[in-house]
Amino acid sequence: MASFKDLFEFSPALKLKLVTSGYEDIFLDLIKEINKYDGSLDIAQYTDKFIKLDLEGVSQNYQIENFSRPYKAVARDYESIILHNMMQVHKSPKKLIEFTYKALENSALIILLEKKSLQNEYELKELLDECEFRASNIIYDLVDDYNIIVAKKMHMWGNGL
């Protein structure tokens, strides 16, 4: 049976970012798999209640209390960025996605992991398209109670970063 970690192509020194409104156990398998390849996961928690994670493979784990600010990242630093339940809580989802575009390497993935029925997944696909992401797909029933929208930052398309 497929799982959330199957969305990724694991390789040595893989670098992922998780931007979340609350950590959940569905990410433990991902962290374990990253460790097998000597990769790293950076976690930005948009929450009032910070969860300290002392896990191997988690290189950064920090809290952001202001829901209108971006997370910490430099241009082209990550192979994939997961936005977990962020479209409902962030004050400017479009700006968050545009910031994510800049933080991703060329040909990298953005993954929106949103609770079912909280937001129209087709509106999210359209928003990704507006922000220059391509090849978007909606994945149903891979993770219980969640819809997953995956899109790609294409090399030499869109904003040119």
C-alpha atoms as a PDB file:
ATOM      1  CA  MET A   1       0.000   0.000   0.000  1.00  0.00           C
ATOM      2  CA  ALA A   2       1.295   3.461  -0.909  1.00  0.00           C
ATOM      3  CA  SER A   3       2.125   5.992   1.775  1.00  0.00           C
ATOM      4  CA  PHE A   4       2.975   9.674   2.026  1.00  0.00           C
ATOM      5  CA  LYS A   5       6.725   9.003   1.849  1.00  0.00           C
ATOM      6  CA  ASP A   6       6.234   7.422  -1.603  1.00  0.00           C
ATOM      7  CA  LEU A   7       5.787  10.918  -3.062  1.00  0.00           C
ATOM      8  CA  PHE A   8       9.532  11.521  -2.730  1.00  0.00           C
ATOM      9  CA  GLU A   9      12.587  10.272  -4.584  1.00  0.00           C
ATOM     10  CA  PHE A  10      15.105   9.661  -1.830  1.00  0.00           C
ATOM     11  CA  SER A  11      18.777  10.231  -2.525  1.00  0.00           C
ATOM     12  CA  PRO A  12      21.864  11.124  -0.487  1.00  0.00           C
ATOM     13  CA  ALA A  13      21.735  14.583   1.065  1.00  0.00           C
ATOM     14  CA  LEU A  14      18.037  15.098   0.244  1.00  0.00           C
ATOM     15  CA  LYS A  15      16.813  18.366   1.760  1.00  0.00           C
ATOM     16  CA  LEU A  16      13.104  18.873   2.484  1.00  0.00           C
ATOM     17  CA  LYS A  17      11.099  21.547   4.275  1.00  0.00           C
ATOM     18  CA  LEU A  18       7.889  21.002   6.226  1.00  0.00           C
ATOM     19  CA  VAL A  19       5.816  24.119   6.857  1.00  0.00           C
ATOM     20  CA  THR A  20       3.006  23.132   9.182  1.00  0.00           C
ATOM     21  CA  SER A  21       0.229  24.467  11.356  1.00  0.00           C
ATOM     22  CA  GLY A  22       0.721  21.500  13.695  1.00  0.00           C
ATOM     23  CA  TYR A  23       3.026  18.493  13.594  1.00  0.00           C
ATOM     24  CA  GLU A  24       1.388  15.083  13.070  1.00  0.00           C
ATOM     25  CA  ASP A  25       2.703  11.523  13.223  1.00  0.00           C
ATOM     26  CA  ILE A  26       2.266  11.010   9.467  1.00  0.00           C
ATOM     27  CA  PHE A  27       5.686  12.636   9.074  1.00  0.00           C
ATOM     28  CA  LEU A  28       7.553  10.051  11.199  1.00  0.00           C
ATOM     29  CA  ASP A  29       7.897   7.567   8.301  1.00  0.00           C
ATOM     30  CA  LEU A  30       9.207  10.383   6.129  1.00  0.00           C
ATOM     31  CA  ILE A  31      11.824  11.330   8.733  1.00  0.00           C
ATOM     32  CA  LYS A  32      12.918   7.691   9.108  1.00  0.00           C
ATOM     33  CA  GLU A  33      13.332   7.348   5.343  1.00  0.00           C
ATOM     34  CA  ILE A  34      15.291  10.613   5.113  1.00  0.00           C
ATOM     35  CA  ASN A  35      17.700   9.281   7.761  1.00  0.00           C
ATOM     36  CA  LYS A  36      18.482   6.238   5.624  1.00  0.00           C
ATOM     37  CA  TYR A  37      19.887   8.578   2.963  1.00  0.00           C
ATOM     38  CA  ASP A  38      21.625  11.036   5.286  1.00  0.00           C
ATOM     39  CA  GLY A  39      19.130  13.723   4.322  1.00  0.00           C
ATOM     40  CA  SER A  40      17.549  16.466   6.367  1.00  0.00           C
ATOM     41  CA  LEU A  41      14.136  17.908   7.117  1.00  0.00           C
ATOM     42  CA  ASP A  42      13.651  21.485   8.254  1.00  0.00           C
ATOM     43  CA  ILE A  43      10.392  22.206  10.083  1.00  0.00           C
ATOM     44  CA  ALA A  44       8.668  25.574  10.438  1.00  0.00           C
ATOM     45  CA  GLN A  45       5.689  25.459  12.813  1.00  0.00           C
ATOM     46  CA  TYR A  46       3.034  28.149  12.476  1.00  0.00           C
ATOM     47  CA  THR A  47       1.459  27.568  15.837  1.00  0.00           C
ATOM     48  CA  ASP A  48       0.838  28.997  19.278  1.00  0.00           C
ATOM     49  CA  LYS A  49       1.965  25.700  20.846  1.00  0.00           C
ATOM     50  CA  PHE A  50       5.497  24.808  19.736  1.00  0.00           C
ATOM     51  CA  ILE A  51       6.334  21.094  19.632  1.00  0.00           C
ATOM     52  CA  LYS A  52      10.005  20.414  20.261  1.00  0.00           C
ATOM     53  CA  LEU A  53      11.154  17.538  18.087  1.00  0.00           C
ATOM     54  CA  ASP A  54      14.462  15.987  18.992  1.00  0.00           C
ATOM     55  CA  LEU A  55      14.634  13.540  16.094  1.00  0.00           C
ATOM     56  CA  GLU A  56      17.589  12.513  13.981  1.00  0.00           C
ATOM     57  CA  GLY A  57      17.159  13.956  10.504  1.00  0.00           C
ATOM     58  CA  VAL A  58      15.381  17.108  11.698  1.00  0.00           C
ATOM     59  CA  SER A  59      18.017  19.798  11.259  1.00  0.00           C
ATOM     60  CA  GLN A  60      15.880  22.870  11.998  1.00  0.00           C
ATOM     61  CA  ASN A  61      12.686  23.101  14.014  1.00  0.00           C
ATOM     62  CA  TYR A  62      11.350  26.536  14.840  1.00  0.00           C
ATOM     63  CA  GLN A  63       8.137  28.352  15.643  1.00  0.00           C
ATOM     64  CA  ILE A  64       6.505  31.219  13.769  1.00  0.00           C
ATOM     65  CA  GLU A  65       3.809  32.949  15.786  1.00  0.00           C
ATOM     66  CA  ASN A  66       2.890  35.610  13.203  1.00  0.00           C
ATOM     67  CA  PHE A  67       0.622  33.997  10.609  1.00  0.00           C
ATOM     68  CA  SER A  68       1.325  36.694   8.031  1.00  0.00           C
ATOM     69  CA  ARG A  69       5.113  36.224   7.868  1.00  0.00           C
ATOM     70  CA  PRO A  70       7.061  33.852   5.620  1.00  0.00           C
ATOM     71  CA  TYR A  71       9.176  31.008   6.969  1.00  0.00           C
ATOM     72  CA  LYS A  72      12.996  31.025   6.848  1.00  0.00           C
ATOM     73  CA  ALA A  73      14.531  29.894   3.550  1.00  0.00           C
ATOM     74  CA  VAL A  74      17.049  30.929   0.938  1.00  0.00           C
ATOM     75  CA  ALA A  75      16.573  30.727  -2.814  1.00  0.00           C
ATOM     76  CA  ARG A  76      16.770  27.269  -4.415  1.00  0.00           C
ATOM     77  CA  ASP A  77      17.539  25.480  -1.168  1.00  0.00           C
ATOM     78  CA  TYR A  78      14.995  22.630  -1.081  1.00  0.00           C
ATOM     79  CA  GLU A  79      14.134  19.662  -3.280  1.00  0.00           C
ATOM     80  CA  SER A  80      10.567  19.572  -1.947  1.00  0.00           C
ATOM     81  CA  ILE A  81       8.508  21.749   0.363  1.00  0.00           C
ATOM     82  CA  ILE A  82       5.400  20.454   2.121  1.00  0.00           C
ATOM     83  CA  LEU A  83       2.775  23.003   3.163  1.00  0.00           C
ATOM     84  CA  HIS A  84       0.668  21.165   5.745  1.00  0.00           C
ATOM     85  CA  ASN A  85      -2.706  22.812   6.528  1.00  0.00           C
ATOM     86  CA  MET A  86      -1.263  26.224   5.716  1.00  0.00           C
ATOM     87  CA  MET A  87      -3.791  27.495   3.179  1.00  0.00           C
ATOM     88  CA  GLN A  88      -6.406  28.036   5.901  1.00  0.00           C
ATOM     89  CA  VAL A  89      -4.218  29.552   8.611  1.00  0.00           C
ATOM     90  CA  HIS A  90      -1.754  31.790   6.774  1.00  0.00           C
ATOM     91  CA  LYS A  91      -2.974  35.365   6.259  1.00  0.00           C
ATOM     92  CA  SER A  92      -1.723  35.419   2.644  1.00  0.00           C
ATOM     93  CA  PRO A  93      -1.651  31.951   1.060  1.00  0.00           C
ATOM     94  CA  LYS A  94      -0.667  33.332  -2.347  1.00  0.00           C
ATOM     95  CA  LYS A  95       2.382  35.109  -0.918  1.00  0.00           C
ATOM     96  CA  LEU A  96       3.316  31.935   0.956  1.00  0.00           C
ATOM     97  CA  ILE A  97       3.209  29.934  -2.284  1.00  0.00           C
ATOM     98  CA  GLU A  98       5.198  32.610  -4.141  1.00  0.00           C
ATOM     99  CA  PHE A  99       7.831  32.528  -1.380  1.00  0.00           C
ATOM    100  CA  THR A 100       7.910  28.731  -1.635  1.00  0.00           C
ATOM    101  CA  TYR A 101       8.538  29.008  -5.387  1.00  0.00           C
ATOM    102  CA  LYS A 102      11.728  30.941  -4.683  1.00  0.00           C
ATOM    103  CA  ALA A 103      12.896  28.522  -1.975  1.00  0.00           C
ATOM    104  CA  LEU A 104      12.625  25.466  -4.258  1.00  0.00           C
ATOM    105  CA  GLU A 105      15.348  24.174  -6.553  1.00  0.00           C
ATOM    106  CA  ASN A 106      14.545  23.983 -10.249  1.00  0.00           C
ATOM    107  CA  SER A 107      12.304  20.987 -11.061  1.00  0.00           C
ATOM    108  CA  ALA A 108      11.336  20.640  -7.401  1.00  0.00           C
ATOM    109  CA  LEU A 109       7.953  19.769  -5.874  1.00  0.00           C
ATOM    110  CA  ILE A 110       5.521  21.737  -3.792  1.00  0.00           C
ATOM    111  CA  ILE A 111       3.125  19.522  -1.834  1.00  0.00           C
ATOM    112  CA  LEU A 112      -0.030  20.920  -0.290  1.00  0.00           C
ATOM    113  CA  LEU A 113      -1.412  18.609   2.373  1.00  0.00           C
ATOM    114  CA  GLU A 114      -4.830  19.953   3.330  1.00  0.00           C
ATOM    115  CA  LYS A 115      -7.645  18.505   5.439  1.00  0.00           C
ATOM    116  CA  LYS A 116     -10.515  17.295   3.282  1.00  0.00           C
ATOM    117  CA  SER A 117     -13.470  19.652   2.891  1.00  0.00           C
ATOM    118  CA  LEU A 118     -11.659  22.652   4.379  1.00  0.00           C
ATOM    119  CA  GLN A 119     -10.842  24.194   1.022  1.00  0.00           C
ATOM    120  CA  ASN A 120     -11.670  23.440  -2.577  1.00  0.00           C
ATOM    121  CA  GLU A 121      -8.720  21.530  -4.026  1.00  0.00           C
ATOM    122  CA  TYR A 122      -9.434  22.896  -7.516  1.00  0.00           C
ATOM    123  CA  GLU A 123      -9.054  26.453  -6.216  1.00  0.00           C
ATOM    124  CA  LEU A 124      -5.683  25.438  -4.771  1.00  0.00           C
ATOM    125  CA  LYS A 125      -4.607  23.977  -8.127  1.00  0.00           C
ATOM    126  CA  GLU A 126      -5.567  27.248  -9.788  1.00  0.00           C
ATOM    127  CA  LEU A 127      -3.597  29.211  -7.186  1.00  0.00           C
ATOM    128  CA  LEU A 128      -0.525  27.045  -7.843  1.00  0.00           C
ATOM    129  CA  ASP A 129      -0.890  27.715 -11.555  1.00  0.00           C
ATOM    130  CA  GLU A 130      -1.112  31.487 -10.931  1.00  0.00           C
ATOM    131  CA  CYS A 131       2.142  31.227  -8.973  1.00  0.00           C
ATOM    132  CA  GLU A 132       3.881  29.516 -11.943  1.00  0.00           C
ATOM    133  CA  PHE A 133       3.800  25.913 -10.717  1.00  0.00           C
ATOM    134  CA  ARG A 134       3.061  23.320 -13.394  1.00  0.00           C
ATOM    135  CA  ALA A 135       1.897  19.704 -13.746  1.00  0.00           C
ATOM    136  CA  SER A 136      -0.356  19.879 -10.695  1.00  0.00           C
ATOM    137  CA  ASN A 137      -2.229  16.797  -9.549  1.00  0.00           C
ATOM    138  CA  ILE A 138      -4.681  16.032  -6.782  1.00  0.00           C
ATOM    139  CA  ILE A 139      -4.138  12.801  -4.878  1.00  0.00           C
ATOM    140  CA  TYR A 140      -7.094  11.515  -2.907  1.00  0.00           C
ATOM    141  CA  ASP A 141      -7.014   8.892  -0.139  1.00  0.00           C
ATOM    142  CA  LEU A 142      -3.236   8.496   0.153  1.00  0.00           C
ATOM    143  CA  VAL A 143      -3.378   9.973   3.655  1.00  0.00           C
ATOM    144  CA  ASP A 144      -6.593   9.578   5.665  1.00  0.00           C
ATOM    145  CA  ASP A 145      -8.647  12.773   5.958  1.00  0.00           C
ATOM    146  CA  TYR A 146      -6.310  14.723   3.637  1.00  0.00           C
ATOM    147  CA  ASN A 147      -6.175  15.787   0.019  1.00  0.00           C
ATOM    148  CA  ILE A 148      -2.727  16.178  -1.458  1.00  0.00           C
ATOM    149  CA  ILE A 149      -2.011  18.605  -4.272  1.00  0.00           C
ATOM    150  CA  VAL A 150       1.379  18.177  -5.905  1.00  0.00           C
ATOM    151  CA  ALA A 151       2.906  20.566  -8.454  1.00  0.00           C
ATOM    152  CA  LYS A 152       6.313  21.169  -9.970  1.00  0.00           C
ATOM    153  CA  LYS A 153       8.538  24.189 -10.330  1.00  0.00           C
ATOM    154  CA  MET A 154       9.676  23.818 -13.915  1.00  0.00           C
ATOM    155  CA  HIS A 155      13.161  24.875 -14.984  1.00  0.00           C
ATOM    156  CA  MET A 156      13.160  28.005 -17.184  1.00  0.00           C
ATOM    157  CA  TRP A 157       9.375  28.507 -16.840  1.00  0.00           C
ATOM    158  CA  GLY A 158       7.489  31.210 -15.063  1.00  0.00           C
ATOM    159  CA  ASN A 159       9.384  33.561 -12.807  1.00  0.00           C
ATOM    160  CA  GLY A 160      12.799  32.351 -13.954  1.00  0.00           C
ATOM    161  CA  LEU A 161      14.222  31.586 -10.523  1.00  0.00           C
END
